[in-house]
Amino acid sequence: DFQPNGGGRNTMPKSFTVEYVWIEEADVDLESGVLFLFAIVLLVALLGIMDVCCGSGSEENGGTYTTARKAPKSADGFAKRL
């Protein structure tokens, strides 16, 4: 057991050796990876633009997002202010 105050034996070694085992792997084609990521980002951006521009804007008509929400009205017909 190791006790930091000097009581008992210190079983931890003062030094140790680390051996690295190198494994050869295929080289990575950076240009293909960058092109693939660019294509994915472009596709997601175009889909987002199409949804905003061409979407109907309400769930009743099949859209996914609502563009504006009406404030809840009080009994006298005017929205309450905080």
C-alpha atoms as a PDB file:
ATOM      1  CA  ASP A   1       0.000   0.000   0.000  1.00  0.00           C
ATOM      2  CA  PHE A   2       1.102   3.548  -0.736  1.00  0.00           C
ATOM      3  CA  GLN A   3       0.844   6.064   2.056  1.00  0.00           C
ATOM      4  CA  PRO A   4       1.955   9.626   1.276  1.00  0.00           C
ATOM      5  CA  ASN A   5       3.088  10.482   4.829  1.00  0.00           C
ATOM      6  CA  GLY A   6       5.967   8.007   4.789  1.00  0.00           C
ATOM      7  CA  GLY A   7       4.241   5.300   6.808  1.00  0.00           C
ATOM      8  CA  GLY A   8       4.401   1.973   4.971  1.00  0.00           C
ATOM      9  CA  ARG A   9       6.114   0.896   1.783  1.00  0.00           C
ATOM     10  CA  ASN A  10       5.939   2.864  -1.438  1.00  0.00           C
ATOM     11  CA  THR A  11       5.148   0.268  -4.106  1.00  0.00           C
ATOM     12  CA  MET A  12       4.910   2.772  -6.956  1.00  0.00           C
ATOM     13  CA  PRO A  13       7.897   2.694  -9.338  1.00  0.00           C
ATOM     14  CA  LYS A  14      10.020   5.831  -9.654  1.00  0.00           C
ATOM     15  CA  SER A  15      10.161   5.471 -13.435  1.00  0.00           C
ATOM     16  CA  PHE A  16       8.602   3.350 -16.136  1.00  0.00           C
ATOM     17  CA  THR A  17       8.991   2.758 -19.852  1.00  0.00           C
ATOM     18  CA  VAL A  18       6.280   3.468 -22.420  1.00  0.00           C
ATOM     19  CA  GLU A  19       6.436   1.484 -25.632  1.00  0.00           C
ATOM     20  CA  TYR A  20       4.558   2.761 -28.679  1.00  0.00           C
ATOM     21  CA  VAL A  21       3.459   0.217 -31.261  1.00  0.00           C
ATOM     22  CA  TRP A  22       3.080   1.924 -34.653  1.00  0.00           C
ATOM     23  CA  ILE A  23       0.385   0.513 -36.919  1.00  0.00           C
ATOM     24  CA  GLU A  24       0.522   1.414 -40.594  1.00  0.00           C
ATOM     25  CA  GLU A  25      -2.797   2.550 -41.991  1.00  0.00           C
ATOM     26  CA  ALA A  26      -3.920   3.856 -45.331  1.00  0.00           C
ATOM     27  CA  ASP A  27      -3.407   7.540 -46.044  1.00  0.00           C
ATOM     28  CA  VAL A  28      -6.407   9.819 -45.795  1.00  0.00           C
ATOM     29  CA  ASP A  29      -7.529  11.722 -48.886  1.00  0.00           C
ATOM     30  CA  LEU A  30      -8.150  15.200 -47.468  1.00  0.00           C
ATOM     31  CA  GLU A  31      -9.558  16.663 -50.668  1.00  0.00           C
ATOM     32  CA  SER A  32     -12.293  14.027 -50.863  1.00  0.00           C
ATOM     33  CA  GLY A  33     -13.209  14.536 -47.213  1.00  0.00           C
ATOM     34  CA  VAL A  34     -13.430  18.304 -47.579  1.00  0.00           C
ATOM     35  CA  LEU A  35     -15.512  17.946 -50.750  1.00  0.00           C
ATOM     36  CA  PHE A  36     -17.879  15.515 -49.022  1.00  0.00           C
ATOM     37  CA  LEU A  37     -18.343  17.803 -45.991  1.00  0.00           C
ATOM     38  CA  PHE A  38     -18.889  20.826 -48.256  1.00  0.00           C
ATOM     39  CA  ALA A  39     -21.564  18.924 -50.212  1.00  0.00           C
ATOM     40  CA  ILE A  40     -23.380  17.950 -46.995  1.00  0.00           C
ATOM     41  CA  VAL A  41     -23.284  21.536 -45.643  1.00  0.00           C
ATOM     42  CA  LEU A  42     -24.513  22.895 -48.980  1.00  0.00           C
ATOM     43  CA  LEU A  43     -27.360  20.368 -49.086  1.00  0.00           C
ATOM     44  CA  VAL A  44     -28.490  21.170 -45.529  1.00  0.00           C
ATOM     45  CA  ALA A  45     -28.317  24.920 -46.221  1.00  0.00           C
ATOM     46  CA  LEU A  46     -30.363  24.582 -49.414  1.00  0.00           C
ATOM     47  CA  LEU A  47     -32.971  22.466 -47.659  1.00  0.00           C
ATOM     48  CA  GLY A  48     -33.233  25.078 -44.907  1.00  0.00           C
ATOM     49  CA  ILE A  49     -33.621  27.893 -47.425  1.00  0.00           C
ATOM     50  CA  MET A  50     -36.265  25.943 -49.340  1.00  0.00           C
ATOM     51  CA  ASP A  51     -38.188  25.276 -46.123  1.00  0.00           C
ATOM     52  CA  VAL A  52     -38.166  28.961 -45.174  1.00  0.00           C
ATOM     53  CA  CYS A  53     -38.961  30.311 -48.631  1.00  0.00           C
ATOM     54  CA  CYS A  54     -41.291  27.669 -50.006  1.00  0.00           C
ATOM     55  CA  GLY A  55     -42.858  26.368 -46.812  1.00  0.00           C
ATOM     56  CA  SER A  56     -46.454  27.314 -46.109  1.00  0.00           C
ATOM     57  CA  GLY A  57     -45.659  28.460 -42.574  1.00  0.00           C
ATOM     58  CA  SER A  58     -48.578  26.824 -40.772  1.00  0.00           C
ATOM     59  CA  GLU A  59     -49.139  23.292 -39.572  1.00  0.00           C
ATOM     60  CA  GLU A  60     -52.648  23.186 -41.057  1.00  0.00           C
ATOM     61  CA  ASN A  61     -51.236  23.495 -44.577  1.00  0.00           C
ATOM     62  CA  GLY A  62     -48.424  21.003 -44.015  1.00  0.00           C
ATOM     63  CA  GLY A  63     -45.641  23.427 -42.974  1.00  0.00           C
ATOM     64  CA  THR A  64     -43.306  22.617 -40.144  1.00  0.00           C
ATOM     65  CA  TYR A  65     -42.903  26.049 -38.569  1.00  0.00           C
ATOM     66  CA  THR A  66     -45.268  28.847 -37.680  1.00  0.00           C
ATOM     67  CA  THR A  67     -44.099  32.306 -38.668  1.00  0.00           C
ATOM     68  CA  ALA A  68     -46.037  34.293 -36.065  1.00  0.00           C
ATOM     69  CA  ARG A  69     -48.124  33.595 -33.005  1.00  0.00           C
ATOM     70  CA  LYS A  70     -50.926  35.764 -31.764  1.00  0.00           C
ATOM     71  CA  ALA A  71     -50.695  37.018 -28.225  1.00  0.00           C
ATOM     72  CA  PRO A  72     -53.363  35.693 -25.851  1.00  0.00           C
ATOM     73  CA  LYS A  73     -56.197  38.174 -25.418  1.00  0.00           C
ATOM     74  CA  SER A  74     -57.702  39.239 -22.143  1.00  0.00           C
ATOM     75  CA  ALA A  75     -61.439  39.461 -21.507  1.00  0.00           C
ATOM     76  CA  ASP A  76     -61.669  42.990 -22.946  1.00  0.00           C
ATOM     77  CA  GLY A  77     -60.021  42.051 -26.249  1.00  0.00           C
ATOM     78  CA  PHE A  78     -56.549  43.565 -25.699  1.00  0.00           C
ATOM     79  CA  ALA A  79     -53.370  41.643 -25.012  1.00  0.00           C
ATOM     80  CA  LYS A  80     -52.010  41.997 -21.503  1.00  0.00           C
ATOM     81  CA  ARG A  81     -48.662  43.723 -21.163  1.00  0.00           C
ATOM     82  CA  LEU A  82     -46.061  42.603 -18.674  1.00  0.00           C
END
